Amino acid sequence: MSTGRVSPSSCGEQSFTDCLRTGLNARAPLERWYCAEILGMHRVEGKAVEPLAQLLSSAEPQLRSAACRALARSGEKSVCARIVPLLSDSYSGARLEALRALSALGCPAFSRNALPLLKDSSVAVRCEAAALLSSCAEARPALEKMTADPHPLARLAAARALAALGVGESRSALEKLSFGDPDCGVRRGVSQLLKKS
């Protein structure tokens, strides 16, 4: 099998899914990435889960990210503990996909592991961490601090997470954003959150 030429007709007697699963063990990183990406477009189940989980420890950051994306669609909560180490990955794309996978798999027991990512260098990672922490009451103080983030999208993500936790305890922080944030999009978004509460 060569990269980019995997198709149902090129798999011979194997099913296309089995062909892709076999490709997860290919020597070429690009071929493994391709197979993980294609598998991730469908619900991953059965025999494909373990080879994808093994890619979480790949030396290639794009493979780690692709494995997270594919596993997010698996519904296999058993892989959550294996995804958590990627929250401290050196590659921001892997951190982002790990957060998304934990959220998609519904792994609330692991959400507190995302607390340090509220201060991540990547805005996308900070926003995704806030979304994951929107059901973690112990994150409220850190989310309130995040309402002072330099980036408006991060401030709005923090406000949404606080609103999901319940406006009551965070009303003053949210009202401060609603009336005093320098970004009109943040002011408008937070005002809508307050109206809904």
N, C-alpha and C. Protein backbone atom coordinates (compact mmCIF):
# COMPACT_ATOMS: atom_id res chain seq x y z
N MET A 1 0.85 -1.17 0.00
CA MET A 1 0.00 0.00 0.00
C MET A 1 0.89 1.22 0.00
N SER A 2 0.62 2.18 -0.84
CA SER A 2 1.42 3.40 -0.87
C SER A 2 0.55 4.59 -0.51
N THR A 3 1.15 5.57 0.11
CA THR A 3 0.42 6.73 0.60
C THR A 3 -0.38 7.39 -0.50
N GLY A 4 -1.63 7.73 -0.13
CA GLY A 4 -2.48 8.42 -1.08
C GLY A 4 -3.17 7.51 -2.07
N ARG A 5 -2.82 6.23 -2.10
CA ARG A 5 -3.42 5.31 -3.07
C ARG A 5 -4.25 4.24 -2.38
N VAL A 6 -4.50 4.42 -1.08
CA VAL A 6 -5.36 3.47 -0.39
C VAL A 6 -6.79 3.77 -0.81
N SER A 7 -7.42 2.79 -1.35
CA SER A 7 -8.82 2.94 -1.75
C SER A 7 -9.48 1.58 -1.59
N PRO A 8 -10.79 1.53 -1.57
CA PRO A 8 -11.45 0.23 -1.42
C PRO A 8 -10.99 -0.78 -2.45
N SER A 9 -10.68 -0.34 -3.68
CA SER A 9 -10.27 -1.28 -4.73
C SER A 9 -8.83 -1.74 -4.56
N SER A 10 -8.00 -1.01 -3.77
CA SER A 10 -6.60 -1.38 -3.61
C SER A 10 -6.36 -2.33 -2.44
N CYS A 11 -7.42 -2.69 -1.74
CA CYS A 11 -7.27 -3.49 -0.52
C CYS A 11 -7.41 -4.99 -0.75
N GLY A 12 -7.71 -5.39 -1.94
CA GLY A 12 -7.82 -6.82 -2.22
C GLY A 12 -8.93 -7.46 -1.41
N GLU A 13 -8.60 -8.54 -0.70
CA GLU A 13 -9.58 -9.29 0.07
C GLU A 13 -9.95 -8.59 1.39
N GLN A 14 -9.09 -7.67 1.86
CA GLN A 14 -9.36 -6.96 3.10
C GLN A 14 -10.48 -5.94 2.92
N SER A 15 -11.21 -5.67 4.00
CA SER A 15 -12.16 -4.56 3.94
C SER A 15 -11.34 -3.27 3.95
N PHE A 16 -11.94 -2.19 3.52
CA PHE A 16 -11.23 -0.91 3.48
C PHE A 16 -10.79 -0.51 4.89
N THR A 17 -11.64 -0.72 5.87
CA THR A 17 -11.29 -0.39 7.26
C THR A 17 -10.10 -1.22 7.73
N ASP A 18 -10.10 -2.51 7.41
CA ASP A 18 -8.97 -3.37 7.79
C ASP A 18 -7.70 -2.93 7.08
N CYS A 19 -7.84 -2.50 5.85
CA CYS A 19 -6.69 -2.01 5.08
C CYS A 19 -6.10 -0.76 5.74
N LEU A 20 -6.98 0.14 6.16
CA LEU A 20 -6.52 1.36 6.85
C LEU A 20 -5.90 1.01 8.20
N ARG A 21 -6.53 0.08 8.91
CA ARG A 21 -6.00 -0.34 10.21
C ARG A 21 -4.60 -0.92 10.06
N THR A 22 -4.40 -1.72 9.02
CA THR A 22 -3.08 -2.28 8.74
C THR A 22 -2.09 -1.15 8.44
N GLY A 23 -2.56 -0.14 7.74
CA GLY A 23 -1.70 1.00 7.39
C GLY A 23 -1.23 1.80 8.59
N LEU A 24 -1.91 1.68 9.73
CA LEU A 24 -1.47 2.38 10.94
C LEU A 24 -0.11 1.89 11.42
N ASN A 25 0.29 0.70 10.97
CA ASN A 25 1.59 0.13 11.35
C ASN A 25 2.63 0.25 10.24
N ALA A 26 2.33 1.03 9.21
CA ALA A 26 3.27 1.19 8.09
C ALA A 26 4.55 1.87 8.57
N ARG A 27 5.61 1.67 7.82
CA ARG A 27 6.89 2.30 8.18
C ARG A 27 6.87 3.81 7.98
N ALA A 28 6.26 4.25 6.90
CA ALA A 28 6.27 5.67 6.55
C ALA A 28 5.30 6.45 7.44
N PRO A 29 5.79 7.47 8.15
CA PRO A 29 4.90 8.27 9.00
C PRO A 29 3.74 8.89 8.22
N LEU A 30 3.99 9.32 6.99
CA LEU A 30 2.94 9.93 6.19
C LEU A 30 1.82 8.94 5.90
N GLU A 31 2.19 7.69 5.66
CA GLU A 31 1.19 6.66 5.40
C GLU A 31 0.37 6.38 6.67
N ARG A 32 1.04 6.34 7.82
CA ARG A 32 0.32 6.14 9.09
C ARG A 32 -0.63 7.31 9.34
N TRP A 33 -0.14 8.52 9.08
CA TRP A 33 -0.97 9.72 9.26
C TRP A 33 -2.20 9.66 8.37
N TYR A 34 -1.99 9.33 7.10
CA TYR A 34 -3.08 9.24 6.14
C TYR A 34 -4.14 8.25 6.61
N CYS A 35 -3.72 7.08 7.03
CA CYS A 35 -4.66 6.05 7.48
C CYS A 35 -5.40 6.49 8.74
N ALA A 36 -4.71 7.15 9.67
CA ALA A 36 -5.36 7.64 10.89
C ALA A 36 -6.39 8.72 10.54
N GLU A 37 -6.04 9.61 9.63
CA GLU A 37 -6.97 10.68 9.23
C GLU A 37 -8.23 10.09 8.58
N ILE A 38 -8.06 9.13 7.69
CA ILE A 38 -9.22 8.53 7.01
C ILE A 38 -10.07 7.76 8.01
N LEU A 39 -9.44 7.00 8.89
CA LEU A 39 -10.20 6.29 9.92
C LEU A 39 -10.96 7.27 10.81
N GLY A 40 -10.34 8.41 11.08
CA GLY A 40 -10.96 9.42 11.93
C GLY A 40 -12.19 10.07 11.33
N MET A 41 -12.38 9.90 10.04
CA MET A 41 -13.56 10.46 9.38
C MET A 41 -14.79 9.58 9.61
N HIS A 42 -14.57 8.43 10.17
CA HIS A 42 -15.65 7.48 10.43
C HIS A 42 -15.60 7.10 11.91
N ARG A 43 -16.63 6.46 12.38
CA ARG A 43 -16.60 5.99 13.76
C ARG A 43 -15.59 4.85 13.86
N VAL A 44 -14.60 5.04 14.71
CA VAL A 44 -13.55 4.05 14.89
C VAL A 44 -14.00 3.06 15.95
N GLU A 45 -13.91 1.81 15.66
CA GLU A 45 -14.29 0.81 16.65
C GLU A 45 -13.45 -0.45 16.51
N GLY A 46 -13.62 -1.30 17.47
CA GLY A 46 -13.00 -2.62 17.43
C GLY A 46 -11.50 -2.62 17.31
N LYS A 47 -11.03 -3.34 16.30
CA LYS A 47 -9.60 -3.60 16.13
C LYS A 47 -8.78 -2.34 15.83
N ALA A 48 -9.40 -1.27 15.39
CA ALA A 48 -8.65 -0.06 15.03
C ALA A 48 -8.31 0.79 16.25
N VAL A 49 -9.01 0.61 17.38
CA VAL A 49 -8.80 1.47 18.54
C VAL A 49 -7.38 1.33 19.10
N GLU A 50 -6.92 0.12 19.31
CA GLU A 50 -5.60 -0.08 19.91
C GLU A 50 -4.46 0.43 19.03
N PRO A 51 -4.44 0.16 17.71
CA PRO A 51 -3.37 0.73 16.89
C PRO A 51 -3.38 2.26 16.90
N LEU A 52 -4.56 2.85 16.94
CA LEU A 52 -4.64 4.31 17.03
C LEU A 52 -4.11 4.79 18.37
N ALA A 53 -4.47 4.11 19.44
CA ALA A 53 -3.99 4.49 20.78
C ALA A 53 -2.47 4.39 20.85
N GLN A 54 -1.89 3.44 20.15
CA GLN A 54 -0.43 3.32 20.13
C GLN A 54 0.22 4.51 19.44
N LEU A 55 -0.48 5.11 18.47
CA LEU A 55 0.06 6.28 17.77
C LEU A 55 0.12 7.51 18.68
N LEU A 56 -0.56 7.48 19.82
CA LEU A 56 -0.52 8.61 20.74
C LEU A 56 0.89 8.85 21.27
N SER A 57 1.73 7.83 21.23
CA SER A 57 3.11 7.98 21.71
C SER A 57 4.11 8.07 20.56
N SER A 58 3.62 8.33 19.36
CA SER A 58 4.50 8.47 18.19
C SER A 58 5.43 9.67 18.35
N ALA A 59 6.59 9.57 17.73
CA ALA A 59 7.53 10.70 17.73
C ALA A 59 7.05 11.82 16.81
N GLU A 60 6.12 11.51 15.93
CA GLU A 60 5.60 12.48 14.96
C GLU A 60 4.40 13.22 15.54
N PRO A 61 4.49 14.54 15.74
CA PRO A 61 3.38 15.26 16.35
C PRO A 61 2.07 15.21 15.55
N GLN A 62 2.18 15.20 14.23
CA GLN A 62 0.96 15.12 13.42
C GLN A 62 0.26 13.78 13.59
N LEU A 63 1.03 12.72 13.83
CA LEU A 63 0.43 11.41 14.07
C LEU A 63 -0.29 11.39 15.42
N ARG A 64 0.30 12.01 16.42
CA ARG A 64 -0.35 12.08 17.72
C ARG A 64 -1.68 12.83 17.60
N SER A 65 -1.67 13.93 16.85
CA SER A 65 -2.88 14.72 16.66
C SER A 65 -3.94 13.92 15.89
N ALA A 66 -3.53 13.27 14.82
CA ALA A 66 -4.47 12.48 14.01
C ALA A 66 -5.07 11.34 14.83
N ALA A 67 -4.25 10.72 15.65
CA ALA A 67 -4.76 9.63 16.50
C ALA A 67 -5.81 10.15 17.48
N CYS A 68 -5.57 11.32 18.06
CA CYS A 68 -6.57 11.93 18.96
C CYS A 68 -7.87 12.20 18.23
N ARG A 69 -7.77 12.77 17.02
CA ARG A 69 -8.98 13.08 16.24
C ARG A 69 -9.77 11.81 15.95
N ALA A 70 -9.07 10.75 15.58
CA ALA A 70 -9.76 9.50 15.27
C ALA A 70 -10.35 8.87 16.52
N LEU A 71 -9.60 8.86 17.61
CA LEU A 71 -10.10 8.26 18.84
C LEU A 71 -11.28 9.03 19.43
N ALA A 72 -11.35 10.31 19.14
CA ALA A 72 -12.47 11.12 19.62
C ALA A 72 -13.79 10.58 19.09
N ARG A 73 -13.76 9.95 17.93
CA ARG A 73 -14.97 9.39 17.33
C ARG A 73 -15.21 7.94 17.72
N SER A 74 -14.33 7.38 18.53
CA SER A 74 -14.45 5.96 18.86
C SER A 74 -15.50 5.67 19.92
N GLY A 75 -15.74 6.63 20.80
CA GLY A 75 -16.66 6.38 21.91
C GLY A 75 -16.04 5.53 23.00
N GLU A 76 -14.76 5.19 22.86
CA GLU A 76 -14.05 4.33 23.81
C GLU A 76 -13.45 5.15 24.94
N LYS A 77 -14.17 5.25 26.04
CA LYS A 77 -13.68 6.02 27.18
C LYS A 77 -12.41 5.41 27.78
N SER A 78 -12.16 4.16 27.48
CA SER A 78 -10.98 3.49 28.02
C SER A 78 -9.67 4.12 27.54
N VAL A 79 -9.71 4.89 26.46
CA VAL A 79 -8.49 5.53 25.95
C VAL A 79 -8.23 6.89 26.58
N CYS A 80 -9.16 7.39 27.38
CA CYS A 80 -8.99 8.74 27.97
C CYS A 80 -7.69 8.86 28.75
N ALA A 81 -7.38 7.88 29.57
CA ALA A 81 -6.15 7.94 30.37
C ALA A 81 -4.91 7.97 29.49
N ARG A 82 -5.00 7.40 28.29
CA ARG A 82 -3.85 7.40 27.39
C ARG A 82 -3.75 8.72 26.61
N ILE A 83 -4.84 9.46 26.56
CA ILE A 83 -4.84 10.76 25.87
C ILE A 83 -4.31 11.86 26.78
N VAL A 84 -4.57 11.75 28.08
CA VAL A 84 -4.20 12.79 29.05
C VAL A 84 -2.75 13.25 28.93
N PRO A 85 -1.75 12.37 28.76
CA PRO A 85 -0.37 12.86 28.65
C PRO A 85 -0.15 13.85 27.50
N LEU A 86 -0.99 13.80 26.49
CA LEU A 86 -0.84 14.73 25.37
C LEU A 86 -1.24 16.16 25.75
N LEU A 87 -1.87 16.34 26.90
CA LEU A 87 -2.20 17.68 27.36
C LEU A 87 -0.93 18.49 27.65
N SER A 88 0.18 17.80 27.85
CA SER A 88 1.45 18.50 28.07
C SER A 88 2.42 18.29 26.90
N ASP A 89 1.88 17.93 25.74
CA ASP A 89 2.69 17.72 24.54
C ASP A 89 3.37 19.02 24.13
N SER A 90 4.54 18.91 23.54
CA SER A 90 5.26 20.10 23.08
C SER A 90 4.60 20.74 21.86
N TYR A 91 3.81 19.97 21.14
CA TYR A 91 3.14 20.44 19.93
C TYR A 91 1.73 20.91 20.30
N SER A 92 1.43 22.18 20.04
CA SER A 92 0.13 22.73 20.43
C SER A 92 -1.03 22.04 19.72
N GLY A 93 -0.82 21.56 18.51
CA GLY A 93 -1.87 20.84 17.79
C GLY A 93 -2.26 19.56 18.50
N ALA A 94 -1.29 18.88 19.08
CA ALA A 94 -1.59 17.65 19.84
C ALA A 94 -2.33 17.99 21.13
N ARG A 95 -1.94 19.08 21.79
CA ARG A 95 -2.65 19.51 23.01
C ARG A 95 -4.10 19.83 22.69
N LEU A 96 -4.30 20.55 21.58
CA LEU A 96 -5.64 20.93 21.16
C LEU A 96 -6.50 19.70 20.86
N GLU A 97 -5.95 18.77 20.10
CA GLU A 97 -6.71 17.57 19.74
C GLU A 97 -6.96 16.67 20.95
N ALA A 98 -6.04 16.66 21.90
CA ALA A 98 -6.26 15.89 23.13
C ALA A 98 -7.43 16.46 23.91
N LEU A 99 -7.50 17.78 24.01
CA LEU A 99 -8.64 18.42 24.70
C LEU A 99 -9.95 18.09 23.99
N ARG A 100 -9.94 18.18 22.69
CA ARG A 100 -11.16 17.88 21.91
C ARG A 100 -11.57 16.43 22.08
N ALA A 101 -10.59 15.53 22.09
CA ALA A 101 -10.91 14.11 22.25
C ALA A 101 -11.50 13.83 23.63
N LEU A 102 -10.91 14.40 24.67
CA LEU A 102 -11.44 14.19 26.02
C LEU A 102 -12.86 14.73 26.13
N SER A 103 -13.11 15.85 25.49
CA SER A 103 -14.44 16.44 25.50
C SER A 103 -15.43 15.54 24.74
N ALA A 104 -15.04 15.10 23.55
CA ALA A 104 -15.92 14.27 22.72
C ALA A 104 -16.21 12.92 23.38
N LEU A 105 -15.22 12.38 24.07
CA LEU A 105 -15.39 11.08 24.71
C LEU A 105 -16.14 11.18 26.04
N GLY A 106 -16.32 12.40 26.52
CA GLY A 106 -17.04 12.59 27.78
C GLY A 106 -16.27 12.02 28.95
N CYS A 107 -15.11 12.56 29.19
CA CYS A 107 -14.23 12.07 30.25
C CYS A 107 -14.10 13.13 31.35
N PRO A 108 -15.17 13.40 32.12
CA PRO A 108 -15.10 14.46 33.12
C PRO A 108 -14.07 14.21 34.22
N ALA A 109 -13.76 12.96 34.48
CA ALA A 109 -12.78 12.65 35.53
C ALA A 109 -11.40 13.20 35.17
N PHE A 110 -11.15 13.41 33.90
CA PHE A 110 -9.85 13.88 33.45
C PHE A 110 -9.83 15.38 33.15
N SER A 111 -10.98 16.05 33.25
CA SER A 111 -11.04 17.46 32.84
C SER A 111 -10.14 18.35 33.68
N ARG A 112 -9.98 18.06 34.97
CA ARG A 112 -9.13 18.93 35.80
C ARG A 112 -7.67 18.93 35.34
N ASN A 113 -7.28 17.92 34.57
CA ASN A 113 -5.92 17.90 34.00
C ASN A 113 -5.72 19.04 33.00
N ALA A 114 -6.81 19.65 32.57
CA ALA A 114 -6.72 20.75 31.59
C ALA A 114 -6.49 22.11 32.26
N LEU A 115 -6.55 22.18 33.56
CA LEU A 115 -6.39 23.47 34.25
C LEU A 115 -5.13 24.24 33.83
N PRO A 116 -3.96 23.61 33.77
CA PRO A 116 -2.76 24.36 33.36
C PRO A 116 -2.86 24.94 31.94
N LEU A 117 -3.72 24.35 31.11
CA LEU A 117 -3.82 24.80 29.72
C LEU A 117 -4.61 26.10 29.58
N LEU A 118 -5.22 26.57 30.67
CA LEU A 118 -5.89 27.88 30.62
C LEU A 118 -4.86 29.00 30.45
N LYS A 119 -3.58 28.68 30.67
CA LYS A 119 -2.49 29.66 30.51
C LYS A 119 -1.58 29.28 29.34
N ASP A 120 -2.04 28.41 28.46
CA ASP A 120 -1.24 27.94 27.33
C ASP A 120 -0.88 29.09 26.39
N SER A 121 0.20 28.93 25.66
CA SER A 121 0.63 29.95 24.71
C SER A 121 -0.31 30.04 23.50
N SER A 122 -1.05 28.98 23.22
CA SER A 122 -1.99 28.95 22.09
C SER A 122 -3.38 29.39 22.54
N VAL A 123 -3.93 30.37 21.86
CA VAL A 123 -5.29 30.84 22.17
C VAL A 123 -6.30 29.71 21.96
N ALA A 124 -6.14 28.96 20.88
CA ALA A 124 -7.08 27.87 20.60
C ALA A 124 -7.06 26.84 21.73
N VAL A 125 -5.89 26.54 22.25
CA VAL A 125 -5.78 25.58 23.35
C VAL A 125 -6.44 26.15 24.60
N ARG A 126 -6.21 27.42 24.90
CA ARG A 126 -6.84 28.04 26.08
C ARG A 126 -8.36 27.97 25.96
N CYS A 127 -8.88 28.29 24.79
CA CYS A 127 -10.34 28.27 24.58
C CYS A 127 -10.91 26.85 24.73
N GLU A 128 -10.23 25.89 24.15
CA GLU A 128 -10.70 24.50 24.23
C GLU A 128 -10.61 23.98 25.67
N ALA A 129 -9.57 24.39 26.39
CA ALA A 129 -9.44 23.99 27.80
C ALA A 129 -10.59 24.56 28.61
N ALA A 130 -10.95 25.82 28.36
CA ALA A 130 -12.08 26.43 29.07
C ALA A 130 -13.37 25.66 28.78
N ALA A 131 -13.57 25.27 27.54
CA ALA A 131 -14.77 24.52 27.18
C ALA A 131 -14.81 23.17 27.92
N LEU A 132 -13.68 22.49 27.97
CA LEU A 132 -13.63 21.20 28.68
C LEU A 132 -13.89 21.38 30.17
N LEU A 133 -13.44 22.49 30.72
CA LEU A 133 -13.58 22.74 32.16
C LEU A 133 -14.94 23.33 32.54
N SER A 134 -15.84 23.47 31.57
CA SER A 134 -17.14 24.08 31.85
C SER A 134 -18.03 23.22 32.73
N SER A 135 -17.60 22.04 33.06
CA SER A 135 -18.36 21.19 33.99
C SER A 135 -17.53 20.83 35.22
N CYS A 136 -16.45 21.56 35.43
CA CYS A 136 -15.52 21.27 36.54
C CYS A 136 -15.55 22.45 37.52
N ALA A 137 -16.31 22.30 38.60
CA ALA A 137 -16.50 23.38 39.57
C ALA A 137 -15.18 23.89 40.13
N GLU A 138 -14.20 23.02 40.30
CA GLU A 138 -12.93 23.46 40.88
C GLU A 138 -12.15 24.38 39.93
N ALA A 139 -12.59 24.48 38.68
CA ALA A 139 -11.92 25.36 37.71
C ALA A 139 -12.41 26.79 37.80
N ARG A 140 -13.49 27.06 38.55
CA ARG A 140 -14.08 28.39 38.58
C ARG A 140 -13.06 29.51 38.87
N PRO A 141 -12.21 29.40 39.91
CA PRO A 141 -11.25 30.50 40.16
C PRO A 141 -10.30 30.75 38.98
N ALA A 142 -9.82 29.68 38.36
CA ALA A 142 -8.90 29.84 37.22
C ALA A 142 -9.64 30.43 36.02
N LEU A 143 -10.90 30.04 35.83
CA LEU A 143 -11.68 30.60 34.73
C LEU A 143 -11.97 32.08 34.97
N GLU A 144 -12.20 32.44 36.23
CA GLU A 144 -12.42 33.86 36.53
C GLU A 144 -11.17 34.68 36.23
N LYS A 145 -10.00 34.12 36.54
CA LYS A 145 -8.74 34.81 36.18
C LYS A 145 -8.59 34.93 34.67
N MET A 146 -9.08 33.92 33.96
CA MET A 146 -8.97 33.93 32.49
C MET A 146 -9.82 35.01 31.85
N THR A 147 -10.78 35.57 32.59
CA THR A 147 -11.58 36.66 32.02
C THR A 147 -10.74 37.91 31.79
N ALA A 148 -9.50 37.91 32.29
CA ALA A 148 -8.57 39.03 32.05
C ALA A 148 -7.53 38.66 30.98
N ASP A 149 -7.73 37.55 30.28
CA ASP A 149 -6.80 37.11 29.23
C ASP A 149 -6.63 38.22 28.19
N PRO A 150 -5.42 38.37 27.62
CA PRO A 150 -5.22 39.41 26.61
C PRO A 150 -6.03 39.19 25.32
N HIS A 151 -6.45 37.96 25.05
CA HIS A 151 -7.15 37.68 23.79
C HIS A 151 -8.67 37.63 24.01
N PRO A 152 -9.44 38.36 23.18
CA PRO A 152 -10.89 38.38 23.38
C PRO A 152 -11.57 37.01 23.26
N LEU A 153 -11.08 36.16 22.37
CA LEU A 153 -11.70 34.83 22.24
C LEU A 153 -11.52 34.01 23.52
N ALA A 154 -10.39 34.16 24.16
CA ALA A 154 -10.14 33.44 25.41
C ALA A 154 -11.03 33.99 26.52
N ARG A 155 -11.21 35.31 26.56
CA ARG A 155 -12.09 35.89 27.58
C ARG A 155 -13.52 35.40 27.40
N LEU A 156 -13.96 35.35 26.15
CA LEU A 156 -15.32 34.89 25.86
C LEU A 156 -15.47 33.40 26.19
N ALA A 157 -14.45 32.60 25.90
CA ALA A 157 -14.48 31.17 26.24
C ALA A 157 -14.57 30.98 27.75
N ALA A 158 -13.83 31.79 28.49
CA ALA A 158 -13.89 31.72 29.96
C ALA A 158 -15.28 32.08 30.45
N ALA A 159 -15.87 33.10 29.86
CA ALA A 159 -17.22 33.52 30.26
C ALA A 159 -18.24 32.42 29.97
N ARG A 160 -18.13 31.79 28.83
CA ARG A 160 -19.06 30.68 28.50
C ARG A 160 -18.92 29.54 29.49
N ALA A 161 -17.68 29.22 29.85
CA ALA A 161 -17.46 28.13 30.81
C ALA A 161 -18.03 28.51 32.18
N LEU A 162 -17.84 29.75 32.59
CA LEU A 162 -18.38 30.19 33.88
C LEU A 162 -19.91 30.16 33.86
N ALA A 163 -20.51 30.58 32.76
CA ALA A 163 -21.97 30.53 32.64
C ALA A 163 -22.48 29.10 32.71
N ALA A 164 -21.74 28.17 32.10
CA ALA A 164 -22.13 26.75 32.16
C ALA A 164 -22.05 26.21 33.58
N LEU A 165 -21.10 26.73 34.35
CA LEU A 165 -20.96 26.31 35.75
C LEU A 165 -22.04 26.94 36.63
N GLY A 166 -22.68 27.97 36.13
CA GLY A 166 -23.70 28.69 36.90
C GLY A 166 -23.24 30.10 37.16
N VAL A 167 -24.03 31.05 36.71
CA VAL A 167 -23.65 32.46 36.77
C VAL A 167 -23.50 32.94 38.21
N GLY A 168 -24.31 32.46 39.11
CA GLY A 168 -24.37 32.97 40.49
C GLY A 168 -23.06 33.39 41.10
N GLU A 169 -22.15 32.47 41.30
CA GLU A 169 -20.87 32.76 41.97
C GLU A 169 -19.94 33.63 41.14
N SER A 170 -20.15 33.69 39.85
CA SER A 170 -19.25 34.44 38.97
C SER A 170 -19.92 35.66 38.36
N ARG A 171 -21.07 36.05 38.89
CA ARG A 171 -21.81 37.17 38.30
C ARG A 171 -20.97 38.43 38.20
N SER A 172 -20.22 38.79 39.24
CA SER A 172 -19.45 40.04 39.19
C SER A 172 -18.38 40.01 38.10
N ALA A 173 -17.71 38.88 37.93
CA ALA A 173 -16.70 38.77 36.87
C ALA A 173 -17.35 38.87 35.49
N LEU A 174 -18.52 38.26 35.34
CA LEU A 174 -19.21 38.30 34.05
C LEU A 174 -19.78 39.70 33.78
N GLU A 175 -20.30 40.34 34.79
CA GLU A 175 -20.82 41.70 34.60
C GLU A 175 -19.69 42.67 34.24
N LYS A 176 -18.53 42.45 34.82
CA LYS A 176 -17.38 43.30 34.49
C LYS A 176 -17.05 43.18 32.99
N LEU A 177 -17.09 41.95 32.47
CA LEU A 177 -16.86 41.75 31.03
C LEU A 177 -17.98 42.36 30.21
N SER A 178 -19.21 42.18 30.67
CA SER A 178 -20.38 42.64 29.94
C SER A 178 -20.38 44.15 29.76
N PHE A 179 -19.91 44.87 30.77
CA PHE A 179 -19.95 46.34 30.71
C PHE A 179 -18.61 46.97 30.38
N GLY A 180 -17.50 46.30 30.73
CA GLY A 180 -16.22 46.98 30.60
C GLY A 180 -15.20 46.36 29.68
N ASP A 181 -15.51 45.26 29.01
CA ASP A 181 -14.51 44.65 28.14
C ASP A 181 -14.23 45.56 26.94
N PRO A 182 -12.97 45.70 26.54
CA PRO A 182 -12.64 46.58 25.41
C PRO A 182 -13.16 46.06 24.06
N ASP A 183 -13.53 44.78 23.99
CA ASP A 183 -13.99 44.18 22.73
C ASP A 183 -15.52 44.13 22.72
N CYS A 184 -16.13 44.71 21.69
CA CYS A 184 -17.60 44.74 21.64
C CYS A 184 -18.19 43.34 21.48
N GLY A 185 -17.48 42.44 20.80
CA GLY A 185 -17.97 41.07 20.64
C GLY A 185 -18.03 40.35 21.98
N VAL A 186 -17.05 40.58 22.83
CA VAL A 186 -17.04 39.98 24.17
C VAL A 186 -18.18 40.58 24.99
N ARG A 187 -18.32 41.90 24.96
CA ARG A 187 -19.41 42.55 25.72
C ARG A 187 -20.77 41.99 25.31
N ARG A 188 -20.99 41.90 24.01
CA ARG A 188 -22.27 41.40 23.49
C ARG A 188 -22.48 39.94 23.87
N GLY A 189 -21.45 39.11 23.69
CA GLY A 189 -21.57 37.69 24.01
C GLY A 189 -21.85 37.44 25.48
N VAL A 190 -21.17 38.17 26.34
CA VAL A 190 -21.35 37.98 27.78
C VAL A 190 -22.72 38.52 28.20
N SER A 191 -23.15 39.61 27.60
CA SER A 191 -24.48 40.15 27.91
C SER A 191 -25.56 39.11 27.59
N GLN A 192 -25.41 38.42 26.46
CA GLN A 192 -26.36 37.37 26.09
C GLN A 192 -26.33 36.22 27.10
N LEU A 193 -25.12 35.87 27.56
CA LEU A 193 -25.01 34.80 28.56
C LEU A 193 -25.73 35.20 29.85
N LEU A 194 -25.58 36.45 30.24
CA LEU A 194 -26.23 36.92 31.47
C LEU A 194 -27.75 36.96 31.32
N LYS A 195 -28.23 37.31 30.14
CA LYS A 195 -29.68 37.34 29.90
C LYS A 195 -30.29 35.94 29.98
N LYS A 196 -29.54 34.94 29.55
CA LYS A 196 -30.02 33.56 29.58
C LYS A 196 -30.07 32.98 30.98
N SER A 197 -29.30 33.57 31.90
CA SER A 197 -29.22 32.99 33.24
C SER A 197 -30.38 33.42 34.12
